[in-house]
Amino acid sequence: MKKELVIGNKIVVFEGKNIRRYWDDEKELWYFSVVDVIAILTDSSNPGVYWRVLKKRLLSEGANETVTKCNGLKMPAADGKMRVTDMADTETMFRLVQSVPSPKAEPFKRWLAKVGYERVQEIEDPELASKRAKALYKAKGYPQSWIEKRVRGIAIREELTDEWKKRKVGGDQKYAILTAEISKATFGVTLSEYKNLKGLKRENLRDHMTDLELIFTMLGEASTTEITRKDDAKGFEQNKSAAVRGGRVAGNARKELETQTNQSVVTKQNYLRLKEKTKNNFNV
């Protein structure tokens, strides 16, 4: 079966099977879900039990602590809920793979090395990440004009999260709260309401936005970045205030456009519906 590499922050795919992952900005390391890897290597019907037995056996055999020490992180589970699961960095995962008898061990190690190396490349040359993102969206069938806006939006988003990181906002969960504040002030609906409107479940909302929705998303986040810097905001509460104000800038611009055009910027349009059409009518 053909091996795949899907660029993204949450999931990569090996031989058609998903592996949850998480990027640690401070340590500059990928962390991969141990049970997802166990499931691929063993085809076990209960990889969680397999991992617990393996961990106990390795410890009883005097294995080095680095082989079994994993970080418990909350990741999306099969039922859609956030659950704590063991996550291992690339080095630890290499060691674990060696402990699992599987014909897939060698190809998986090569794949794992490729995943880690590409992220290192992207850190050294951010332009590579942009090129890979463009290639991925093009392969999915998105129009070129939309791709350019989406990739630009990613860059603006990263600039904002870099500011949050420097200003000690408090990590991914706090980032999500601030992002929700910007989005609500920009579009007048919560993220869950927005996804429901578009008929989305676990899909990335921004991957299903129209051109105008992407533009106002960028305006809200770029405005927040500028306000954050001007205020020299520190900590979560001050950055929350900046996020709301930045979102309002975009929200006011959206309302003005809606008044002039007499139509809503927020739309039910999504990429799922685009695939059913023969013409490119995704752009607004």
C-alpha atoms as a PDB file:
ATOM      1  CA  MET A   1       0.000   0.000   0.000  1.00  0.00           C
ATOM      2  CA  LYS A   2       1.230   3.452  -0.864  1.00  0.00           C
ATOM      3  CA  LYS A   3       2.645   5.408   2.079  1.00  0.00           C
ATOM      4  CA  GLU A   4       1.442   8.961   2.573  1.00  0.00           C
ATOM      5  CA  LEU A   5       2.626  12.044   4.386  1.00  0.00           C
ATOM      6  CA  VAL A   6      -0.062  14.540   5.306  1.00  0.00           C
ATOM      7  CA  ILE A   7       1.237  17.942   6.397  1.00  0.00           C
ATOM      8  CA  GLY A   8      -0.563  19.364   9.400  1.00  0.00           C
ATOM      9  CA  ASN A   9      -0.449  19.867  13.141  1.00  0.00           C
ATOM     10  CA  LYS A  10      -2.829  17.150  14.289  1.00  0.00           C
ATOM     11  CA  ILE A  11      -2.753  14.025  12.112  1.00  0.00           C
ATOM     12  CA  VAL A  12      -0.389  12.296   9.726  1.00  0.00           C
ATOM     13  CA  VAL A  13      -1.176   9.178   7.704  1.00  0.00           C
ATOM     14  CA  PHE A  14       0.897   6.014   7.298  1.00  0.00           C
ATOM     15  CA  GLU A  15      -0.420   3.343   4.924  1.00  0.00           C
ATOM     16  CA  GLY A  16      -3.910   4.771   5.109  1.00  0.00           C
ATOM     17  CA  LYS A  17      -4.070   4.871   8.926  1.00  0.00           C
ATOM     18  CA  ASN A  18      -4.150   8.016  11.055  1.00  0.00           C
ATOM     19  CA  ILE A  19      -1.507   8.879  13.641  1.00  0.00           C
ATOM     20  CA  ARG A  20      -2.244  11.744  16.023  1.00  0.00           C
ATOM     21  CA  ARG A  21       0.686  14.076  16.634  1.00  0.00           C
ATOM     22  CA  TYR A  22       1.525  17.288  18.444  1.00  0.00           C
ATOM     23  CA  TRP A  23       4.266  19.851  17.824  1.00  0.00           C
ATOM     24  CA  ASP A  24       6.011  21.297  20.914  1.00  0.00           C
ATOM     25  CA  ASP A  25       7.202  24.797  20.008  1.00  0.00           C
ATOM     26  CA  GLU A  26       9.502  25.142  23.001  1.00  0.00           C
ATOM     27  CA  LYS A  27      11.326  21.828  22.544  1.00  0.00           C
ATOM     28  CA  GLU A  28      10.899  21.860  18.746  1.00  0.00           C
ATOM     29  CA  LEU A  29       9.858  18.203  18.776  1.00  0.00           C
ATOM     30  CA  TRP A  30       7.048  16.143  17.297  1.00  0.00           C
ATOM     31  CA  TYR A  31       5.119  13.885  19.698  1.00  0.00           C
ATOM     32  CA  PHE A  32       3.209  10.903  18.273  1.00  0.00           C
ATOM     33  CA  SER A  33       0.388   8.852  19.777  1.00  0.00           C
ATOM     34  CA  VAL A  34       1.860   5.554  20.989  1.00  0.00           C
ATOM     35  CA  VAL A  35      -1.378   3.559  20.695  1.00  0.00           C
ATOM     36  CA  ASP A  36      -1.888   4.771  17.115  1.00  0.00           C
ATOM     37  CA  VAL A  37       1.574   3.504  16.191  1.00  0.00           C
ATOM     38  CA  ILE A  38       1.010   0.218  18.063  1.00  0.00           C
ATOM     39  CA  ALA A  39      -2.251  -0.268  16.166  1.00  0.00           C
ATOM     40  CA  ILE A  40      -0.431   0.111  12.837  1.00  0.00           C
ATOM     41  CA  LEU A  41       2.503  -2.133  13.700  1.00  0.00           C
ATOM     42  CA  THR A  42       0.510  -4.945  15.325  1.00  0.00           C
ATOM     43  CA  ASP A  43      -2.982  -4.746  13.805  1.00  0.00           C
ATOM     44  CA  SER A  44      -4.131  -5.317  17.392  1.00  0.00           C
ATOM     45  CA  SER A  45      -7.861  -5.009  18.077  1.00  0.00           C
ATOM     46  CA  ASN A  46      -6.982  -3.348  21.390  1.00  0.00           C
ATOM     47  CA  PRO A  47      -3.735  -1.386  20.989  1.00  0.00           C
ATOM     48  CA  GLY A  48      -4.217   0.271  24.388  1.00  0.00           C
ATOM     49  CA  VAL A  49      -3.976  -3.066  26.165  1.00  0.00           C
ATOM     50  CA  TYR A  50      -1.063  -4.113  23.956  1.00  0.00           C
ATOM     51  CA  TRP A  51       0.813  -0.937  24.927  1.00  0.00           C
ATOM     52  CA  ARG A  52       0.176  -1.422  28.656  1.00  0.00           C
ATOM     53  CA  VAL A  53       1.444  -5.015  28.509  1.00  0.00           C
ATOM     54  CA  LEU A  54       4.471  -4.002  26.427  1.00  0.00           C
ATOM     55  CA  LYS A  55       5.351  -1.176  28.793  1.00  0.00           C
ATOM     56  CA  LYS A  56       5.143  -3.494  31.811  1.00  0.00           C
ATOM     57  CA  ARG A  57       7.302  -6.103  30.051  1.00  0.00           C
ATOM     58  CA  LEU A  58       9.957  -3.567  29.058  1.00  0.00           C
ATOM     59  CA  LEU A  59      10.149  -2.241  32.613  1.00  0.00           C
ATOM     60  CA  SER A  60      10.453  -5.756  34.047  1.00  0.00           C
ATOM     61  CA  GLU A  61      13.308  -6.426  31.637  1.00  0.00           C
ATOM     62  CA  GLY A  62      15.155  -3.367  32.913  1.00  0.00           C
ATOM     63  CA  ALA A  63      14.544  -1.175  29.883  1.00  0.00           C
ATOM     64  CA  ASN A  64      15.907   2.346  29.947  1.00  0.00           C
ATOM     65  CA  GLU A  65      13.342   4.849  31.225  1.00  0.00           C
ATOM     66  CA  THR A  66      13.457   6.748  27.931  1.00  0.00           C
ATOM     67  CA  VAL A  67      11.850   3.759  26.216  1.00  0.00           C
ATOM     68  CA  THR A  68       8.706   3.821  28.323  1.00  0.00           C
ATOM     69  CA  LYS A  69       8.469   7.408  29.564  1.00  0.00           C
ATOM     70  CA  CYS A  70       5.801   9.218  27.563  1.00  0.00           C
ATOM     71  CA  ASN A  71       3.895  12.469  27.936  1.00  0.00           C
ATOM     72  CA  GLY A  72       0.195  12.231  28.614  1.00  0.00           C
ATOM     73  CA  LEU A  73      -1.495  14.780  26.359  1.00  0.00           C
ATOM     74  CA  LYS A  74      -5.141  15.415  25.565  1.00  0.00           C
ATOM     75  CA  MET A  75      -5.848  14.495  21.940  1.00  0.00           C
ATOM     76  CA  PRO A  76      -9.080  13.959  19.954  1.00  0.00           C
ATOM     77  CA  ALA A  77     -10.277  10.361  20.398  1.00  0.00           C
ATOM     78  CA  ALA A  78     -12.390   8.262  18.014  1.00  0.00           C
ATOM     79  CA  ASP A  79     -15.568   9.521  19.703  1.00  0.00           C
ATOM     80  CA  GLY A  80     -14.528  13.142  19.082  1.00  0.00           C
ATOM     81  CA  LYS A  81     -13.817  13.890  22.753  1.00  0.00           C
ATOM     82  CA  MET A  82     -10.465  15.087  24.094  1.00  0.00           C
ATOM     83  CA  ARG A  83      -8.815  12.256  26.032  1.00  0.00           C
ATOM     84  CA  VAL A  84      -5.385  11.838  27.607  1.00  0.00           C
ATOM     85  CA  THR A  85      -3.132   9.526  25.616  1.00  0.00           C
ATOM     86  CA  ASP A  86       0.555   8.588  25.799  1.00  0.00           C
ATOM     87  CA  MET A  87       2.646  10.606  23.334  1.00  0.00           C
ATOM     88  CA  ALA A  88       6.301   9.925  22.512  1.00  0.00           C
ATOM     89  CA  ASP A  89       8.865  12.066  20.702  1.00  0.00           C
ATOM     90  CA  THR A  90      10.616  10.776  17.594  1.00  0.00           C
ATOM     91  CA  GLU A  91      13.639   9.367  19.444  1.00  0.00           C
ATOM     92  CA  THR A  92      11.505   7.487  21.977  1.00  0.00           C
ATOM     93  CA  MET A  93       9.232   6.226  19.214  1.00  0.00           C
ATOM     94  CA  PHE A  94      12.229   4.781  17.364  1.00  0.00           C
ATOM     95  CA  ARG A  95      13.160   2.846  20.513  1.00  0.00           C
ATOM     96  CA  LEU A  96       9.616   1.587  21.003  1.00  0.00           C
ATOM     97  CA  VAL A  97       9.287   0.434  17.406  1.00  0.00           C
ATOM     98  CA  GLN A  98      12.364  -1.720  17.879  1.00  0.00           C
ATOM     99  CA  SER A  99      10.572  -3.499  20.740  1.00  0.00           C
ATOM    100  CA  VAL A 100       7.559  -4.447  18.612  1.00  0.00           C
ATOM    101  CA  PRO A 101       7.973  -7.501  16.347  1.00  0.00           C
ATOM    102  CA  SER A 102       6.460  -6.332  13.081  1.00  0.00           C
ATOM    103  CA  PRO A 103       7.312  -6.511   9.360  1.00  0.00           C
ATOM    104  CA  LYS A 104       6.226  -2.863   9.185  1.00  0.00           C
ATOM    105  CA  ALA A 105       8.905  -1.713  11.645  1.00  0.00           C
ATOM    106  CA  GLU A 106      11.552  -0.738   9.074  1.00  0.00           C
ATOM    107  CA  PRO A 107       9.280   1.118   6.628  1.00  0.00           C
ATOM    108  CA  PHE A 108       7.661   2.860   9.589  1.00  0.00           C
ATOM    109  CA  LYS A 109      11.036   4.020  10.938  1.00  0.00           C
ATOM    110  CA  ARG A 110      11.919   5.437   7.525  1.00  0.00           C
ATOM    111  CA  TRP A 111       8.570   7.220   7.396  1.00  0.00           C
ATOM    112  CA  LEU A 112       9.033   8.540  10.951  1.00  0.00           C
ATOM    113  CA  ALA A 113      12.456   9.943  10.063  1.00  0.00           C
ATOM    114  CA  LYS A 114      10.944  11.681   7.032  1.00  0.00           C
ATOM    115  CA  VAL A 115       8.174  13.280   9.092  1.00  0.00           C
ATOM    116  CA  GLY A 116      10.623  14.629  11.674  1.00  0.00           C
ATOM    117  CA  TYR A 117      13.153  15.811   9.116  1.00  0.00           C
ATOM    118  CA  GLU A 118      10.603  17.750   7.087  1.00  0.00           C
ATOM    119  CA  ARG A 119       9.592  19.725  10.163  1.00  0.00           C
ATOM    120  CA  VAL A 120      13.236  20.546  10.888  1.00  0.00           C
ATOM    121  CA  GLN A 121      13.570  21.726   7.287  1.00  0.00           C
ATOM    122  CA  GLU A 122      10.528  23.960   7.703  1.00  0.00           C
ATOM    123  CA  ILE A 123      11.990  25.575  10.822  1.00  0.00           C
ATOM    124  CA  GLU A 124      15.224  26.345   8.963  1.00  0.00           C
ATOM    125  CA  ASP A 125      13.400  27.491   5.816  1.00  0.00           C
ATOM    126  CA  PRO A 126       9.766  28.553   6.492  1.00  0.00           C
ATOM    127  CA  GLU A 127       9.173  28.884   2.752  1.00  0.00           C
ATOM    128  CA  LEU A 128       9.186  25.086   2.490  1.00  0.00           C
ATOM    129  CA  ALA A 129       6.154  24.838   4.772  1.00  0.00           C
ATOM    130  CA  SER A 130       4.308  27.289   2.521  1.00  0.00           C
ATOM    131  CA  LYS A 131       5.204  25.311  -0.608  1.00  0.00           C
ATOM    132  CA  ARG A 132       4.084  22.035   0.950  1.00  0.00           C
ATOM    133  CA  ALA A 133       0.799  23.559   2.092  1.00  0.00           C
ATOM    134  CA  LYS A 134       0.140  24.917  -1.405  1.00  0.00           C
ATOM    135  CA  ALA A 135       0.888  21.532  -2.962  1.00  0.00           C
ATOM    136  CA  LEU A 136      -1.463  19.786  -0.541  1.00  0.00           C
ATOM    137  CA  TYR A 137      -4.376  22.154  -1.213  1.00  0.00           C
ATOM    138  CA  LYS A 138      -3.775  21.988  -4.958  1.00  0.00           C
ATOM    139  CA  ALA A 139      -3.892  18.180  -4.808  1.00  0.00           C
ATOM    140  CA  LYS A 140      -7.236  18.433  -3.011  1.00  0.00           C
ATOM    141  CA  GLY A 141      -8.659  20.537  -5.830  1.00  0.00           C
ATOM    142  CA  TYR A 142      -8.822  24.019  -4.327  1.00  0.00           C
ATOM    143  CA  PRO A 143      -8.606  26.953  -6.786  1.00  0.00           C
ATOM    144  CA  GLN A 144      -5.249  28.750  -6.928  1.00  0.00           C
ATOM    145  CA  SER A 145      -6.636  32.128  -5.838  1.00  0.00           C
ATOM    146  CA  TRP A 146      -8.132  30.509  -2.718  1.00  0.00           C
ATOM    147  CA  ILE A 147      -4.865  28.677  -1.959  1.00  0.00           C
ATOM    148  CA  GLU A 148      -2.887  31.931  -1.968  1.00  0.00           C
ATOM    149  CA  LYS A 149      -5.257  33.465   0.578  1.00  0.00           C
ATOM    150  CA  ARG A 150      -5.295  30.344   2.747  1.00  0.00           C
ATOM    151  CA  VAL A 151      -1.500  30.144   2.893  1.00  0.00           C
ATOM    152  CA  ARG A 152      -1.227  33.868   3.607  1.00  0.00           C
ATOM    153  CA  GLY A 153      -3.722  33.363   6.407  1.00  0.00           C
ATOM    154  CA  ILE A 154      -1.540  30.630   7.889  1.00  0.00           C
ATOM    155  CA  ALA A 155       1.416  33.028   7.956  1.00  0.00           C
ATOM    156  CA  ILE A 156      -0.666  35.743   9.661  1.00  0.00           C
ATOM    157  CA  ARG A 157      -1.922  33.207  12.178  1.00  0.00           C
ATOM    158  CA  GLU A 158       1.626  32.069  12.993  1.00  0.00           C
ATOM    159  CA  GLU A 159       2.709  35.685  13.499  1.00  0.00           C
ATOM    160  CA  LEU A 160      -0.110  36.122  16.011  1.00  0.00           C
ATOM    161  CA  THR A 161       0.622  32.899  17.921  1.00  0.00           C
ATOM    162  CA  ASP A 162       4.297  33.870  18.058  1.00  0.00           C
ATOM    163  CA  GLU A 163       3.221  37.072  19.824  1.00  0.00           C
ATOM    164  CA  TRP A 164       1.059  35.088  22.236  1.00  0.00           C
ATOM    165  CA  LYS A 165       3.937  32.788  22.982  1.00  0.00           C
ATOM    166  CA  LYS A 166       6.286  35.704  23.745  1.00  0.00           C
ATOM    167  CA  ARG A 167       3.639  37.309  25.947  1.00  0.00           C
ATOM    168  CA  LYS A 168       3.073  34.216  28.116  1.00  0.00           C
ATOM    169  CA  VAL A 169      -0.564  33.680  27.205  1.00  0.00           C
ATOM    170  CA  GLY A 170      -0.465  30.060  28.361  1.00  0.00           C
ATOM    171  CA  GLY A 171      -0.372  27.460  25.579  1.00  0.00           C
ATOM    172  CA  ASP A 172      -2.681  25.885  23.006  1.00  0.00           C
ATOM    173  CA  GLN A 173      -5.865  25.838  25.090  1.00  0.00           C
ATOM    174  CA  LYS A 174      -5.566  29.560  25.804  1.00  0.00           C
ATOM    175  CA  TYR A 175      -4.739  30.193  22.140  1.00  0.00           C
ATOM    176  CA  ALA A 176      -7.997  28.423  21.228  1.00  0.00           C
ATOM    177  CA  ILE A 177      -9.984  30.650  23.598  1.00  0.00           C
ATOM    178  CA  LEU A 178      -8.433  33.821  22.163  1.00  0.00           C
ATOM    179  CA  THR A 179      -9.010  32.589  18.603  1.00  0.00           C
ATOM    180  CA  ALA A 180     -12.667  31.978  19.433  1.00  0.00           C
ATOM    181  CA  GLU A 181     -12.958  35.545  20.762  1.00  0.00           C
ATOM    182  CA  ILE A 182     -11.504  36.973  17.546  1.00  0.00           C
ATOM    183  CA  SER A 183     -13.760  34.830  15.379  1.00  0.00           C
ATOM    184  CA  LYS A 184     -16.927  35.673  17.309  1.00  0.00           C
ATOM    185  CA  ALA A 185     -16.168  39.404  17.167  1.00  0.00           C
ATOM    186  CA  THR A 186     -15.378  39.123  13.445  1.00  0.00           C
ATOM    187  CA  PHE A 187     -18.321  37.022  12.259  1.00  0.00           C
ATOM    188  CA  GLY A 188     -20.917  37.366  15.027  1.00  0.00           C
ATOM    189  CA  VAL A 189     -21.178  33.601  15.600  1.00  0.00           C
ATOM    190  CA  THR A 190     -19.275  31.139  17.766  1.00  0.00           C
ATOM    191  CA  LEU A 191     -16.941  28.622  16.142  1.00  0.00           C
ATOM    192  CA  SER A 192     -19.340  25.749  16.861  1.00  0.00           C
ATOM    193  CA  GLU A 193     -22.243  27.689  15.322  1.00  0.00           C
ATOM    194  CA  TYR A 194     -20.063  28.491  12.313  1.00  0.00           C
ATOM    195  CA  LYS A 195     -19.153  24.830  11.774  1.00  0.00           C
ATOM    196  CA  ASN A 196     -22.777  23.749  12.179  1.00  0.00           C
ATOM    197  CA  LEU A 197     -23.832  26.305   9.574  1.00  0.00           C
ATOM    198  CA  LYS A 198     -21.364  24.811   7.105  1.00  0.00           C
ATOM    199  CA  GLY A 199     -22.295  21.235   7.986  1.00  0.00           C
ATOM    200  CA  LEU A 200     -18.833  20.430   9.340  1.00  0.00           C
ATOM    201  CA  LYS A 201     -17.894  18.062  12.149  1.00  0.00           C
ATOM    202  CA  ARG A 202     -14.193  17.419  12.678  1.00  0.00           C
ATOM    203  CA  GLU A 203     -13.056  19.286   9.559  1.00  0.00           C
ATOM    204  CA  ASN A 204     -10.904  22.416   9.783  1.00  0.00           C
ATOM    205  CA  LEU A 205     -13.266  25.399   9.490  1.00  0.00           C
ATOM    206  CA  ARG A 206     -10.744  27.557   7.627  1.00  0.00           C
ATOM    207  CA  ASP A 207     -10.340  24.891   4.954  1.00  0.00           C
ATOM    208  CA  HIS A 208     -14.022  25.420   4.180  1.00  0.00           C
ATOM    209  CA  MET A 209     -14.141  29.210   4.136  1.00  0.00           C
ATOM    210  CA  THR A 210     -14.817  31.299   1.050  1.00  0.00           C
ATOM    211  CA  ASP A 211     -12.394  33.973  -0.133  1.00  0.00           C
ATOM    212  CA  LEU A 212     -14.168  36.717   1.814  1.00  0.00           C
ATOM    213  CA  GLU A 213     -14.368  34.649   4.984  1.00  0.00           C
ATOM    214  CA  LEU A 214     -10.630  34.036   4.772  1.00  0.00           C
ATOM    215  CA  ILE A 215      -9.953  37.737   4.169  1.00  0.00           C
ATOM    216  CA  PHE A 216     -11.927  38.837   7.229  1.00  0.00           C
ATOM    217  CA  THR A 217     -10.295  36.097   9.303  1.00  0.00           C
ATOM    218  CA  MET A 218      -6.898  37.478   8.290  1.00  0.00           C
ATOM    219  CA  LEU A 219      -8.007  41.037   9.065  1.00  0.00           C
ATOM    220  CA  GLY A 220      -9.175  40.039  12.546  1.00  0.00           C
ATOM    221  CA  GLU A 221      -5.952  38.236  13.401  1.00  0.00           C
ATOM    222  CA  ALA A 222      -3.656  40.845  11.828  1.00  0.00           C
ATOM    223  CA  SER A 223      -5.515  43.582  13.717  1.00  0.00           C
ATOM    224  CA  THR A 224      -5.153  41.626  16.951  1.00  0.00           C
ATOM    225  CA  THR A 225      -1.407  41.305  16.386  1.00  0.00           C
ATOM    226  CA  GLU A 226      -1.041  45.070  15.891  1.00  0.00           C
ATOM    227  CA  ILE A 227      -3.188  45.935  18.932  1.00  0.00           C
ATOM    228  CA  THR A 228      -1.307  43.393  21.044  1.00  0.00           C
ATOM    229  CA  ARG A 229       2.018  44.991  20.134  1.00  0.00           C
ATOM    230  CA  LYS A 230       0.778  48.559  20.618  1.00  0.00           C
ATOM    231  CA  ASP A 231      -0.660  47.714  24.056  1.00  0.00           C
ATOM    232  CA  ASP A 232       2.354  45.553  24.906  1.00  0.00           C
ATOM    233  CA  ALA A 233      -0.217  43.094  26.260  1.00  0.00           C
ATOM    234  CA  LYS A 234       1.009  40.631  28.873  1.00  0.00           C
ATOM    235  CA  GLY A 235      -0.648  37.438  30.032  1.00  0.00           C
ATOM    236  CA  PHE A 236      -4.009  35.955  29.129  1.00  0.00           C
ATOM    237  CA  GLU A 237      -6.464  38.654  30.240  1.00  0.00           C
ATOM    238  CA  GLN A 238      -4.708  41.546  28.499  1.00  0.00           C
ATOM    239  CA  ASN A 239      -4.350  39.498  25.320  1.00  0.00           C
ATOM    240  CA  LYS A 240      -8.026  38.523  25.512  1.00  0.00           C
ATOM    241  CA  SER A 241      -8.947  42.200  25.491  1.00  0.00           C
ATOM    242  CA  ALA A 242      -6.706  42.764  22.453  1.00  0.00           C
ATOM    243  CA  ALA A 243      -8.267  39.753  20.707  1.00  0.00           C
ATOM    244  CA  VAL A 244     -11.809  41.073  21.152  1.00  0.00           C
ATOM    245  CA  ARG A 245     -10.803  44.520  19.880  1.00  0.00           C
ATOM    246  CA  GLY A 246      -8.936  43.062  16.919  1.00  0.00           C
ATOM    247  CA  GLY A 247     -11.945  40.962  16.018  1.00  0.00           C
ATOM    248  CA  ARG A 248     -14.189  44.022  16.226  1.00  0.00           C
ATOM    249  CA  VAL A 249     -12.080  45.808  13.615  1.00  0.00           C
ATOM    250  CA  ALA A 250     -12.784  42.973  11.180  1.00  0.00           C
ATOM    251  CA  GLY A 251     -16.380  42.680  12.371  1.00  0.00           C
ATOM    252  CA  ASN A 252     -17.095  46.343  11.655  1.00  0.00           C
ATOM    253  CA  ALA A 253     -15.574  46.007   8.173  1.00  0.00           C
ATOM    254  CA  ARG A 254     -17.673  42.887   7.548  1.00  0.00           C
ATOM    255  CA  LYS A 255     -20.880  44.663   8.598  1.00  0.00           C
ATOM    256  CA  GLU A 256     -20.101  47.598   6.314  1.00  0.00           C
ATOM    257  CA  LEU A 257     -19.581  45.285   3.347  1.00  0.00           C
ATOM    258  CA  GLU A 258     -22.799  43.412   4.122  1.00  0.00           C
ATOM    259  CA  THR A 259     -24.656  46.746   4.209  1.00  0.00           C
ATOM    260  CA  GLN A 260     -23.229  47.732   0.814  1.00  0.00           C
ATOM    261  CA  THR A 261     -23.867  44.351  -0.844  1.00  0.00           C
ATOM    262  CA  ASN A 262     -27.017  43.353   1.053  1.00  0.00           C
ATOM    263  CA  GLN A 263     -25.700  39.813   1.538  1.00  0.00           C
ATOM    264  CA  SER A 264     -24.020  37.944   4.359  1.00  0.00           C
ATOM    265  CA  VAL A 265     -20.287  37.246   4.367  1.00  0.00           C
ATOM    266  CA  VAL A 266     -20.874  34.201   6.581  1.00  0.00           C
ATOM    267  CA  THR A 267     -22.087  31.463   4.273  1.00  0.00           C
ATOM    268  CA  LYS A 268     -23.015  27.778   4.211  1.00  0.00           C
ATOM    269  CA  GLN A 269     -20.556  27.212   1.359  1.00  0.00           C
ATOM    270  CA  ASN A 270     -17.867  24.630   2.015  1.00  0.00           C
ATOM    271  CA  TYR A 271     -15.331  22.498   0.193  1.00  0.00           C
ATOM    272  CA  LEU A 272     -17.450  19.378   0.656  1.00  0.00           C
ATOM    273  CA  ARG A 273     -20.069  20.891  -1.629  1.00  0.00           C
ATOM    274  CA  LEU A 274     -17.469  22.252  -4.026  1.00  0.00           C
ATOM    275  CA  LYS A 275     -16.363  18.706  -4.929  1.00  0.00           C
ATOM    276  CA  GLU A 276     -19.837  17.942  -6.247  1.00  0.00           C
ATOM    277  CA  LYS A 277     -19.730  20.786  -8.767  1.00  0.00           C
ATOM    278  CA  THR A 278     -18.097  20.865 -12.159  1.00  0.00           C
ATOM    279  CA  LYS A 279     -17.421  24.589 -12.113  1.00  0.00           C
ATOM    280  CA  ASN A 280     -15.297  26.569  -9.688  1.00  0.00           C
ATOM    281  CA  ASN A 281     -17.854  28.695  -7.867  1.00  0.00           C
ATOM    282  CA  PHE A 282     -16.119  28.588  -4.487  1.00  0.00           C
ATOM    283  CA  ASN A 283     -14.863  32.174  -4.742  1.00  0.00           C
ATOM    284  CA  VAL A 284     -17.259  34.870  -3.608  1.00  0.00           C
END
